[in-house]
Structures are given as structure tokens and as C-alpha cells.
């Protein structure tokens, strides 16, 4: 049981979530990310270092080092709700592939306790890191922000070739894969953008494609970190626009939904 001693750095544990996987879930948020998405709603997740953030006029420490055995009881505390709803554990971030050994150990512990396991990840990492988590994973929630690599790099700081290559490999391994796109006006909200991503998702055999409407809920965090939010003029897409893009995505023949 040495894997229970594995340590990692997180910044939040959210219980009773109904997003990021089926049923009622506990989400563990990892510290550190390879990308710098312009719309990121968790900017405190980007740096691996432990930080201080101003929240509600008070200083808040963001980040702590924990072992699997230390946080497992908190995760298992809601086991009755998981069983009734088909829920479980989701690892999010940040980017969980920045800490693959800790992620694998935490997923293993959850799975060995009968929990459904999921990760939310961009897959922007060497496939060897992804292979570490696959044996203990039921669902891979994978973000694809843009099919144009140049635009992808402009808005996230990273190209997309590795992401697309890894998406194909994950699908080939038989892991349940859901492709998701945060729909950000002026960035990737045209019919052409969404059609390209949904067709790719369908072509690799992804189970579903989810459109996630852009929101500004994390913009105040940038101020708390002494940073500037880079999309101050962008408003969330109207419901009518999201319905239109949903219809466009459904043309690809893949099961689609708004939100996820």
C-alpha cells in the first residue's frame, strides 16, 4: 500500500459537485499547469508554487502538500452519495498530468474503494504520463480549445499537435473519452471552429462532445493575485448562440450537449 504515501500539491477539494463526470462527485484540484488559457477561471492553479491570494480583503494561502492517505477519508466520506448517483472522484486543476504519480495513486485508491474515477485534462503532456493514470481511470474529460494550432497557441500558450495526437491514443486504449470545448466569443465560437472540433471528436470515437459556455466567474481572482485579466471585454455567449453551435456540432453525428 505504499502508493497511499504518494504526495502531491493541491489547492482545493470540492465536495457534492454535479459537474465534471456523472452523479455526485468530489473534485480534487491540482496545482500547476502547462498552459495559460486567456479565460482560465482558476488562475491560482497555474503556478505550481504555493501562493498568497487576496480574497474578500484577506490573505489566503493557495496550495498545500498532501498524501493520498491524508485526503482519502474526505473523499470516501460521501460514498453513499456516489453509490446512489453513480458518482465518484474527479481530478482537475491546473493540469493533473503535471503530477502523474500522485494522480495515478489517488485514482487507484478511489477505484479500489469502488468509486467511479475521472480526470479533467488537456492531455498536453508526453503520452508516458497519461499511461500512468489510464489503468485506474473510467472517464477522460479532455478539453480541445481549437483545431488551428496557431490560434490554440495564441490563446493558451501551447500548440495543439500533441493534444490531438494524445486524444487519438486515449481513444484507442478504450478509455471512455468525452471531448469538451470552452466556447469563448471571438476565440472559437464560429460554426467552422465548432464543426472542426466535433468532427475530430467523432472521427476518433469519442463518446460525447460537450460545449461549455464561457463565463467570468474567476476574473476577480486575477486581481487577488496581482494579475490582469486578459479578456475584460468578452461577455458570455447568449443561450441562442450556444443552441446554434450545439446544432452545428450535432451534424457530426456525435452525441452533444451544452455544459458538462
C-alpha atoms as a PDB file:
ATOM      1  CA  UNK A   1       0.000   0.000   0.000  1.00  0.00           C
ATOM      2  CA  UNK A   2       2.993   2.295  -0.469  1.00  0.00           C
ATOM      3  CA  UNK A   3       1.093   4.234  -3.121  1.00  0.00           C
ATOM      4  CA  UNK A   4      -1.022   5.704  -0.307  1.00  0.00           C
ATOM      5  CA  UNK A   5       2.101   7.597   0.817  1.00  0.00           C
ATOM      6  CA  UNK A   6       2.406   9.336  -2.556  1.00  0.00           C
ATOM      7  CA  UNK A   7       2.293  13.109  -2.143  1.00  0.00           C
ATOM      8  CA  UNK A   8       1.078  15.898  -4.372  1.00  0.00           C
ATOM      9  CA  UNK A   9       0.216  19.580  -4.322  1.00  0.00           C
ATOM     10  CA  UNK A  10      -3.442  20.644  -4.470  1.00  0.00           C
ATOM     11  CA  UNK A  11      -5.322  23.888  -3.885  1.00  0.00           C
ATOM     12  CA  UNK A  12      -8.904  22.796  -3.296  1.00  0.00           C
ATOM     13  CA  UNK A  13     -11.241  19.863  -2.663  1.00  0.00           C
ATOM     14  CA  UNK A  14     -14.817  20.443  -3.749  1.00  0.00           C
ATOM     15  CA  UNK A  15     -17.486  18.054  -2.484  1.00  0.00           C
ATOM     16  CA  UNK A  16     -21.038  17.480  -3.764  1.00  0.00           C
ATOM     17  CA  UNK A  17     -20.267  18.626  -7.305  1.00  0.00           C
ATOM     18  CA  UNK A  18     -22.637  17.629 -10.112  1.00  0.00           C
ATOM     19  CA  UNK A  19     -20.227  18.596 -12.870  1.00  0.00           C
ATOM     20  CA  UNK A  20     -17.117  17.023 -14.410  1.00  0.00           C
ATOM     21  CA  UNK A  21     -18.422  13.491 -14.540  1.00  0.00           C
ATOM     22  CA  UNK A  22     -21.604  11.540 -13.759  1.00  0.00           C
ATOM     23  CA  UNK A  23     -23.512  11.749 -10.496  1.00  0.00           C
ATOM     24  CA  UNK A  24     -22.411  13.479  -7.309  1.00  0.00           C
ATOM     25  CA  UNK A  25     -18.647  13.894  -7.214  1.00  0.00           C
ATOM     26  CA  UNK A  26     -15.708  15.110  -5.188  1.00  0.00           C
ATOM     27  CA  UNK A  27     -13.234  17.137  -7.236  1.00  0.00           C
ATOM     28  CA  UNK A  28      -9.596  17.440  -6.215  1.00  0.00           C
ATOM     29  CA  UNK A  29      -7.890  20.426  -7.849  1.00  0.00           C
ATOM     30  CA  UNK A  30      -4.177  20.047  -8.601  1.00  0.00           C
ATOM     31  CA  UNK A  31      -1.693  22.927  -8.509  1.00  0.00           C
ATOM     32  CA  UNK A  32       0.348  23.667 -11.621  1.00  0.00           C
ATOM     33  CA  UNK A  33      -0.484  23.869 -15.326  1.00  0.00           C
ATOM     34  CA  UNK A  34       1.431  23.719 -18.602  1.00  0.00           C
ATOM     35  CA  UNK A  35      -0.860  26.180 -20.357  1.00  0.00           C
ATOM     36  CA  UNK A  36      -2.026  29.745 -19.790  1.00  0.00           C
ATOM     37  CA  UNK A  37      -5.535  29.916 -21.239  1.00  0.00           C
ATOM     38  CA  UNK A  38      -6.682  33.524 -21.546  1.00  0.00           C
ATOM     39  CA  UNK A  39     -10.073  32.703 -19.974  1.00  0.00           C
ATOM     40  CA  UNK A  40      -8.819  30.434 -17.163  1.00  0.00           C
ATOM     41  CA  UNK A  41     -11.257  30.567 -14.222  1.00  0.00           C
ATOM     42  CA  UNK A  42      -8.705  29.081 -11.813  1.00  0.00           C
ATOM     43  CA  UNK A  43      -5.626  31.300 -12.256  1.00  0.00           C
ATOM     44  CA  UNK A  44      -4.442  30.214  -8.804  1.00  0.00           C
ATOM     45  CA  UNK A  45      -3.961  26.758 -10.318  1.00  0.00           C
ATOM     46  CA  UNK A  46      -1.437  27.810 -12.943  1.00  0.00           C
ATOM     47  CA  UNK A  47       1.701  28.165 -10.828  1.00  0.00           C
ATOM     48  CA  UNK A  48       2.933  25.059  -9.049  1.00  0.00           C
ATOM     49  CA  UNK A  49       4.360  27.169  -6.228  1.00  0.00           C
ATOM     50  CA  UNK A  50       2.275  27.825  -3.126  1.00  0.00           C
ATOM     51  CA  UNK A  51       0.902  31.376  -3.415  1.00  0.00           C
ATOM     52  CA  UNK A  52      -0.862  34.071  -1.427  1.00  0.00           C
ATOM     53  CA  UNK A  53      -4.076  35.455  -2.893  1.00  0.00           C
ATOM     54  CA  UNK A  54      -6.277  38.282  -1.616  1.00  0.00           C
ATOM     55  CA  UNK A  55      -9.866  37.062  -1.288  1.00  0.00           C
ATOM     56  CA  UNK A  56     -12.572  39.152   0.365  1.00  0.00           C
ATOM     57  CA  UNK A  57      -9.935  41.584   1.563  1.00  0.00           C
ATOM     58  CA  UNK A  58      -7.988  38.857   3.378  1.00  0.00           C
ATOM     59  CA  UNK A  59      -4.849  36.930   2.515  1.00  0.00           C
ATOM     60  CA  UNK A  60      -5.403  33.312   1.575  1.00  0.00           C
ATOM     61  CA  UNK A  61      -2.730  30.662   1.110  1.00  0.00           C
ATOM     62  CA  UNK A  62      -3.277  28.794  -2.147  1.00  0.00           C
ATOM     63  CA  UNK A  63      -1.722  25.346  -2.304  1.00  0.00           C
ATOM     64  CA  UNK A  64      -0.843  22.591   0.143  1.00  0.00           C
ATOM     65  CA  UNK A  65       1.062  19.326   0.020  1.00  0.00           C
ATOM     66  CA  UNK A  66      -0.937  16.228   0.894  1.00  0.00           C
ATOM     67  CA  UNK A  67      -0.612  12.462   0.696  1.00  0.00           C
ATOM     68  CA  UNK A  68      -3.209  10.100  -0.749  1.00  0.00           C
ATOM     69  CA  UNK A  69      -3.902   8.579   2.652  1.00  0.00           C
ATOM     70  CA  UNK A  70      -4.358  12.054   4.146  1.00  0.00           C
ATOM     71  CA  UNK A  71      -7.209  13.150   1.853  1.00  0.00           C
ATOM     72  CA  UNK A  72      -8.750   9.742   1.098  1.00  0.00           C
ATOM     73  CA  UNK A  73     -11.071   9.834   4.157  1.00  0.00           C
ATOM     74  CA  UNK A  74     -12.547  13.146   2.972  1.00  0.00           C
ATOM     75  CA  UNK A  75     -13.184  11.633  -0.451  1.00  0.00           C
ATOM     76  CA  UNK A  76     -14.731   8.434   0.938  1.00  0.00           C
ATOM     77  CA  UNK A  77     -16.951  10.360   3.368  1.00  0.00           C
ATOM     78  CA  UNK A  78     -19.524  10.841   0.597  1.00  0.00           C
ATOM     79  CA  UNK A  79     -19.525   7.217  -0.562  1.00  0.00           C
ATOM     80  CA  UNK A  80     -23.305   6.780  -0.003  1.00  0.00           C
ATOM     81  CA  UNK A  81     -23.984   9.682  -2.375  1.00  0.00           C
ATOM     82  CA  UNK A  82     -21.633   8.256  -5.004  1.00  0.00           C
ATOM     83  CA  UNK A  83     -23.375   4.888  -4.868  1.00  0.00           C
ATOM     84  CA  UNK A  84     -26.862   6.345  -5.218  1.00  0.00           C
ATOM     85  CA  UNK A  85     -25.968   8.755  -8.024  1.00  0.00           C
ATOM     86  CA  UNK A  86     -23.283   6.841  -9.916  1.00  0.00           C
ATOM     87  CA  UNK A  87     -20.759   9.494  -8.943  1.00  0.00           C
ATOM     88  CA  UNK A  88     -17.204   9.360  -7.676  1.00  0.00           C
ATOM     89  CA  UNK A  89     -13.879  11.189  -7.853  1.00  0.00           C
ATOM     90  CA  UNK A  90     -12.687  13.683 -10.462  1.00  0.00           C
ATOM     91  CA  UNK A  91      -9.172  15.109 -10.616  1.00  0.00           C
ATOM     92  CA  UNK A  92      -8.922  18.600 -12.082  1.00  0.00           C
ATOM     93  CA  UNK A  93      -6.564  21.553 -11.980  1.00  0.00           C
ATOM     94  CA  UNK A  94      -4.431  23.085 -13.144  1.00  0.00           C
ATOM     95  CA  UNK A  95      -3.186  20.131 -15.151  1.00  0.00           C
ATOM     96  CA  UNK A  96      -3.191  16.783 -13.367  1.00  0.00           C
ATOM     97  CA  UNK A  97      -0.533  15.413 -15.738  1.00  0.00           C
ATOM     98  CA  UNK A  98       1.983  17.707 -14.085  1.00  0.00           C
ATOM     99  CA  UNK A  99       1.808  15.300 -11.127  1.00  0.00           C
ATOM    100  CA  UNK A 100       1.149  11.928 -12.796  1.00  0.00           C
ATOM    101  CA  UNK A 101       2.362   9.682  -9.973  1.00  0.00           C
ATOM    102  CA  UNK A 102       0.176  11.414  -7.412  1.00  0.00           C
ATOM    103  CA  UNK A 103      -2.765  11.394  -9.821  1.00  0.00           C
ATOM    104  CA  UNK A 104      -2.357   7.682 -10.512  1.00  0.00           C
ATOM    105  CA  UNK A 105      -2.094   6.857  -6.815  1.00  0.00           C
ATOM    106  CA  UNK A 106      -5.195   8.882  -5.938  1.00  0.00           C
ATOM    107  CA  UNK A 107      -7.204   7.322  -8.777  1.00  0.00           C
ATOM    108  CA  UNK A 108      -6.047   3.858  -7.741  1.00  0.00           C
ATOM    109  CA  UNK A 109      -7.130   4.411  -4.151  1.00  0.00           C
ATOM    110  CA  UNK A 110     -10.538   5.636  -5.289  1.00  0.00           C
ATOM    111  CA  UNK A 111     -11.023   2.780  -7.717  1.00  0.00           C
ATOM    112  CA  UNK A 112     -10.007   0.160  -5.152  1.00  0.00           C
ATOM    113  CA  UNK A 113     -12.713   1.602  -2.900  1.00  0.00           C
ATOM    114  CA  UNK A 114     -15.311   1.128  -5.625  1.00  0.00           C
ATOM    115  CA  UNK A 115     -15.516   4.737  -6.834  1.00  0.00           C
ATOM    116  CA  UNK A 116     -16.000   5.869 -10.422  1.00  0.00           C
ATOM    117  CA  UNK A 117     -12.894   7.825 -11.483  1.00  0.00           C
ATOM    118  CA  UNK A 118     -12.478  10.709 -13.914  1.00  0.00           C
ATOM    119  CA  UNK A 119      -9.929  13.352 -14.844  1.00  0.00           C
ATOM    120  CA  UNK A 120     -10.314  16.745 -16.449  1.00  0.00           C
ATOM    121  CA  UNK A 121      -7.193  17.339 -18.526  1.00  0.00           C
ATOM    122  CA  UNK A 122      -5.890  18.959 -21.703  1.00  0.00           C
ATOM    123  CA  UNK A 123      -3.608  15.959 -22.399  1.00  0.00           C
ATOM    124  CA  UNK A 124      -0.772  18.366 -23.175  1.00  0.00           C
ATOM    125  CA  UNK A 125       1.981  16.092 -21.877  1.00  0.00           C
ATOM    126  CA  UNK A 126       4.094  13.161 -23.050  1.00  0.00           C
ATOM    127  CA  UNK A 127       1.870  10.116 -23.506  1.00  0.00           C
ATOM    128  CA  UNK A 128       4.006   8.230 -20.969  1.00  0.00           C
ATOM    129  CA  UNK A 129       2.484  10.424 -18.263  1.00  0.00           C
ATOM    130  CA  UNK A 130      -1.025   9.656 -19.485  1.00  0.00           C
ATOM    131  CA  UNK A 131      -0.246   5.938 -19.461  1.00  0.00           C
ATOM    132  CA  UNK A 132       0.447   6.157 -15.724  1.00  0.00           C
ATOM    133  CA  UNK A 133      -3.173   7.070 -14.982  1.00  0.00           C
ATOM    134  CA  UNK A 134      -5.068   5.010 -17.581  1.00  0.00           C
ATOM    135  CA  UNK A 135      -5.169   1.720 -15.587  1.00  0.00           C
ATOM    136  CA  UNK A 136      -7.150   3.462 -12.831  1.00  0.00           C
ATOM    137  CA  UNK A 137      -9.351   5.680 -14.989  1.00  0.00           C
ATOM    138  CA  UNK A 138     -13.003   5.287 -16.003  1.00  0.00           C
ATOM    139  CA  UNK A 139     -13.535   8.604 -17.806  1.00  0.00           C
ATOM    140  CA  UNK A 140     -11.238  11.107 -19.508  1.00  0.00           C
ATOM    141  CA  UNK A 141     -12.745  14.606 -19.856  1.00  0.00           C
ATOM    142  CA  UNK A 142     -10.477  16.244 -22.403  1.00  0.00           C
ATOM    143  CA  UNK A 143     -10.518  19.897 -23.417  1.00  0.00           C
ATOM    144  CA  UNK A 144      -9.855  20.781 -27.047  1.00  0.00           C
ATOM    145  CA  UNK A 145      -9.918  24.542 -27.400  1.00  0.00           C
ATOM    146  CA  UNK A 146      -9.127  24.930 -31.102  1.00  0.00           C
ATOM    147  CA  UNK A 147      -8.181  22.824 -34.127  1.00  0.00           C
ATOM    148  CA  UNK A 148      -5.977  25.607 -35.509  1.00  0.00           C
ATOM    149  CA  UNK A 149      -2.622  25.160 -33.773  1.00  0.00           C
ATOM    150  CA  UNK A 150      -1.553  28.770 -34.291  1.00  0.00           C
ATOM    151  CA  UNK A 151      -4.741  30.127 -32.683  1.00  0.00           C
ATOM    152  CA  UNK A 152      -4.520  27.487 -29.964  1.00  0.00           C
ATOM    153  CA  UNK A 153      -1.052  28.709 -29.051  1.00  0.00           C
ATOM    154  CA  UNK A 154      -2.130  32.363 -29.210  1.00  0.00           C
ATOM    155  CA  UNK A 155      -4.841  31.880 -26.581  1.00  0.00           C
ATOM    156  CA  UNK A 156      -3.375  29.069 -24.443  1.00  0.00           C
ATOM    157  CA  UNK A 157       0.378  29.422 -24.796  1.00  0.00           C
ATOM    158  CA  UNK A 158       0.717  25.939 -26.301  1.00  0.00           C
ATOM    159  CA  UNK A 159       0.264  24.382 -29.770  1.00  0.00           C
ATOM    160  CA  UNK A 160      -2.263  21.578 -30.223  1.00  0.00           C
ATOM    161  CA  UNK A 161      -0.464  18.845 -32.175  1.00  0.00           C
ATOM    162  CA  UNK A 162       0.459  16.828 -29.070  1.00  0.00           C
ATOM    163  CA  UNK A 163      -3.051  17.240 -27.663  1.00  0.00           C
ATOM    164  CA  UNK A 164      -4.701  15.873 -30.813  1.00  0.00           C
ATOM    165  CA  UNK A 165      -2.208  13.007 -31.047  1.00  0.00           C
ATOM    166  CA  UNK A 166      -2.850  12.037 -27.436  1.00  0.00           C
ATOM    167  CA  UNK A 167      -6.619  12.221 -27.932  1.00  0.00           C
ATOM    168  CA  UNK A 168      -6.352   9.558 -30.617  1.00  0.00           C
ATOM    169  CA  UNK A 169      -4.171   7.356 -28.395  1.00  0.00           C
ATOM    170  CA  UNK A 170      -6.524   7.665 -25.428  1.00  0.00           C
ATOM    171  CA  UNK A 171      -9.484   6.688 -27.614  1.00  0.00           C
ATOM    172  CA  UNK A 172      -7.542   3.718 -28.976  1.00  0.00           C
ATOM    173  CA  UNK A 173      -6.922   2.467 -25.428  1.00  0.00           C
ATOM    174  CA  UNK A 174     -10.672   2.081 -24.932  1.00  0.00           C
ATOM    175  CA  UNK A 175     -10.996   4.576 -22.093  1.00  0.00           C
ATOM    176  CA  UNK A 176     -14.305   6.443 -22.131  1.00  0.00           C
ATOM    177  CA  UNK A 177     -13.454   9.804 -23.692  1.00  0.00           C
ATOM    178  CA  UNK A 178     -15.529  12.979 -23.728  1.00  0.00           C
ATOM    179  CA  UNK A 179     -14.201  15.955 -25.680  1.00  0.00           C
ATOM    180  CA  UNK A 180     -15.125  19.375 -24.322  1.00  0.00           C
ATOM    181  CA  UNK A 181     -14.710  22.909 -25.652  1.00  0.00           C
ATOM    182  CA  UNK A 182     -14.966  26.082 -23.572  1.00  0.00           C
ATOM    183  CA  UNK A 183     -16.836  28.295 -26.038  1.00  0.00           C
ATOM    184  CA  UNK A 184     -15.235  31.738 -25.861  1.00  0.00           C
ATOM    185  CA  UNK A 185     -16.593  34.558 -28.068  1.00  0.00           C
ATOM    186  CA  UNK A 186     -14.051  35.864 -30.609  1.00  0.00           C
ATOM    187  CA  UNK A 187     -11.780  32.895 -29.837  1.00  0.00           C
ATOM    188  CA  UNK A 188     -13.576  29.743 -31.002  1.00  0.00           C
ATOM    189  CA  UNK A 189     -17.301  30.469 -31.300  1.00  0.00           C
ATOM    190  CA  UNK A 190     -17.795  30.249 -35.064  1.00  0.00           C
ATOM    191  CA  UNK A 191     -19.597  27.399 -36.778  1.00  0.00           C
ATOM    192  CA  UNK A 192     -16.350  26.495 -38.516  1.00  0.00           C
ATOM    193  CA  UNK A 193     -14.479  26.253 -35.198  1.00  0.00           C
ATOM    194  CA  UNK A 194     -17.064  24.017 -33.534  1.00  0.00           C
ATOM    195  CA  UNK A 195     -17.641  21.903 -36.644  1.00  0.00           C
ATOM    196  CA  UNK A 196     -13.929  21.149 -36.894  1.00  0.00           C
ATOM    197  CA  UNK A 197     -13.647  20.046 -33.260  1.00  0.00           C
ATOM    198  CA  UNK A 198     -16.848  17.990 -33.272  1.00  0.00           C
ATOM    199  CA  UNK A 199     -15.812  16.205 -36.461  1.00  0.00           C
ATOM    200  CA  UNK A 200     -12.463  15.379 -34.934  1.00  0.00           C
ATOM    201  CA  UNK A 201     -14.162  14.057 -31.773  1.00  0.00           C
ATOM    202  CA  UNK A 202     -16.459  11.873 -33.871  1.00  0.00           C
ATOM    203  CA  UNK A 203     -13.592  10.634 -36.056  1.00  0.00           C
ATOM    204  CA  UNK A 204     -11.592   9.234 -33.115  1.00  0.00           C
ATOM    205  CA  UNK A 205     -14.596   7.559 -31.492  1.00  0.00           C
ATOM    206  CA  UNK A 206     -15.111   9.891 -28.541  1.00  0.00           C
ATOM    207  CA  UNK A 207     -18.283   9.053 -26.624  1.00  0.00           C
ATOM    208  CA  UNK A 208     -19.620  12.612 -26.426  1.00  0.00           C
ATOM    209  CA  UNK A 209     -18.838  16.229 -27.219  1.00  0.00           C
ATOM    210  CA  UNK A 210     -19.669  18.961 -24.693  1.00  0.00           C
ATOM    211  CA  UNK A 211     -19.871  22.711 -25.294  1.00  0.00           C
ATOM    212  CA  UNK A 212     -19.020  24.692 -22.167  1.00  0.00           C
ATOM    213  CA  UNK A 213     -20.201  28.332 -22.270  1.00  0.00           C
ATOM    214  CA  UNK A 214     -17.520  30.859 -21.321  1.00  0.00           C
ATOM    215  CA  UNK A 215     -18.069  32.625 -18.006  1.00  0.00           C
ATOM    216  CA  UNK A 216     -16.213  35.262 -15.998  1.00  0.00           C
ATOM    217  CA  UNK A 217     -16.625  33.751 -12.530  1.00  0.00           C
ATOM    218  CA  UNK A 218     -12.902  33.609 -11.894  1.00  0.00           C
ATOM    219  CA  UNK A 219     -11.954  37.060 -13.148  1.00  0.00           C
ATOM    220  CA  UNK A 220     -11.771  38.586  -9.637  1.00  0.00           C
ATOM    221  CA  UNK A 221      -9.109  36.060  -8.701  1.00  0.00           C
ATOM    222  CA  UNK A 222      -6.677  37.754 -11.061  1.00  0.00           C
ATOM    223  CA  UNK A 223      -6.935  40.935  -9.021  1.00  0.00           C
ATOM    224  CA  UNK A 224      -6.320  38.898  -5.857  1.00  0.00           C
ATOM    225  CA  UNK A 225      -3.149  37.521  -7.443  1.00  0.00           C
ATOM    226  CA  UNK A 226      -1.991  40.939  -8.649  1.00  0.00           C
ATOM    227  CA  UNK A 227      -2.576  39.989 -12.269  1.00  0.00           C
ATOM    228  CA  UNK A 228      -4.548  41.439 -15.176  1.00  0.00           C
ATOM    229  CA  UNK A 229      -7.459  39.506 -16.676  1.00  0.00           C
ATOM    230  CA  UNK A 230      -6.807  39.410 -20.421  1.00  0.00           C
ATOM    231  CA  UNK A 231     -10.410  39.215 -21.685  1.00  0.00           C
ATOM    232  CA  UNK A 232     -12.167  42.040 -19.803  1.00  0.00           C
ATOM    233  CA  UNK A 233     -14.450  42.964 -22.705  1.00  0.00           C
ATOM    234  CA  UNK A 234     -15.646  39.442 -23.548  1.00  0.00           C
ATOM    235  CA  UNK A 235     -19.166  38.558 -22.420  1.00  0.00           C
ATOM    236  CA  UNK A 236     -20.607  35.035 -22.046  1.00  0.00           C
ATOM    237  CA  UNK A 237     -22.217  33.703 -25.233  1.00  0.00           C
ATOM    238  CA  UNK A 238     -26.012  34.120 -25.407  1.00  0.00           C
ATOM    239  CA  UNK A 239     -28.141  30.994 -24.984  1.00  0.00           C
ATOM    240  CA  UNK A 240     -29.312  31.319 -28.593  1.00  0.00           C
ATOM    241  CA  UNK A 241     -25.726  31.225 -29.828  1.00  0.00           C
ATOM    242  CA  UNK A 242     -24.980  28.120 -27.775  1.00  0.00           C
ATOM    243  CA  UNK A 243     -28.065  26.369 -29.180  1.00  0.00           C
ATOM    244  CA  UNK A 244     -26.936  27.222 -32.702  1.00  0.00           C
ATOM    245  CA  UNK A 245     -23.441  25.859 -32.073  1.00  0.00           C
ATOM    246  CA  UNK A 246     -24.946  22.740 -30.498  1.00  0.00           C
ATOM    247  CA  UNK A 247     -26.901  22.120 -33.706  1.00  0.00           C
ATOM    248  CA  UNK A 248     -23.706  22.608 -35.716  1.00  0.00           C
ATOM    249  CA  UNK A 249     -21.832  20.096 -33.550  1.00  0.00           C
ATOM    250  CA  UNK A 250     -24.640  17.538 -33.814  1.00  0.00           C
ATOM    251  CA  UNK A 251     -24.164  17.487 -37.595  1.00  0.00           C
ATOM    252  CA  UNK A 252     -21.033  15.431 -36.948  1.00  0.00           C
ATOM    253  CA  UNK A 253     -23.158  12.552 -35.641  1.00  0.00           C
ATOM    254  CA  UNK A 254     -21.673  12.543 -32.155  1.00  0.00           C
ATOM    255  CA  UNK A 255     -23.797  12.889 -29.012  1.00  0.00           C
ATOM    256  CA  UNK A 256     -23.561  16.526 -27.920  1.00  0.00           C
ATOM    257  CA  UNK A 257     -24.715  18.686 -25.033  1.00  0.00           C
ATOM    258  CA  UNK A 258     -24.262  22.142 -23.556  1.00  0.00           C
ATOM    259  CA  UNK A 259     -22.440  22.025 -20.221  1.00  0.00           C
ATOM    260  CA  UNK A 260     -20.882  19.044 -18.576  1.00  0.00           C
END
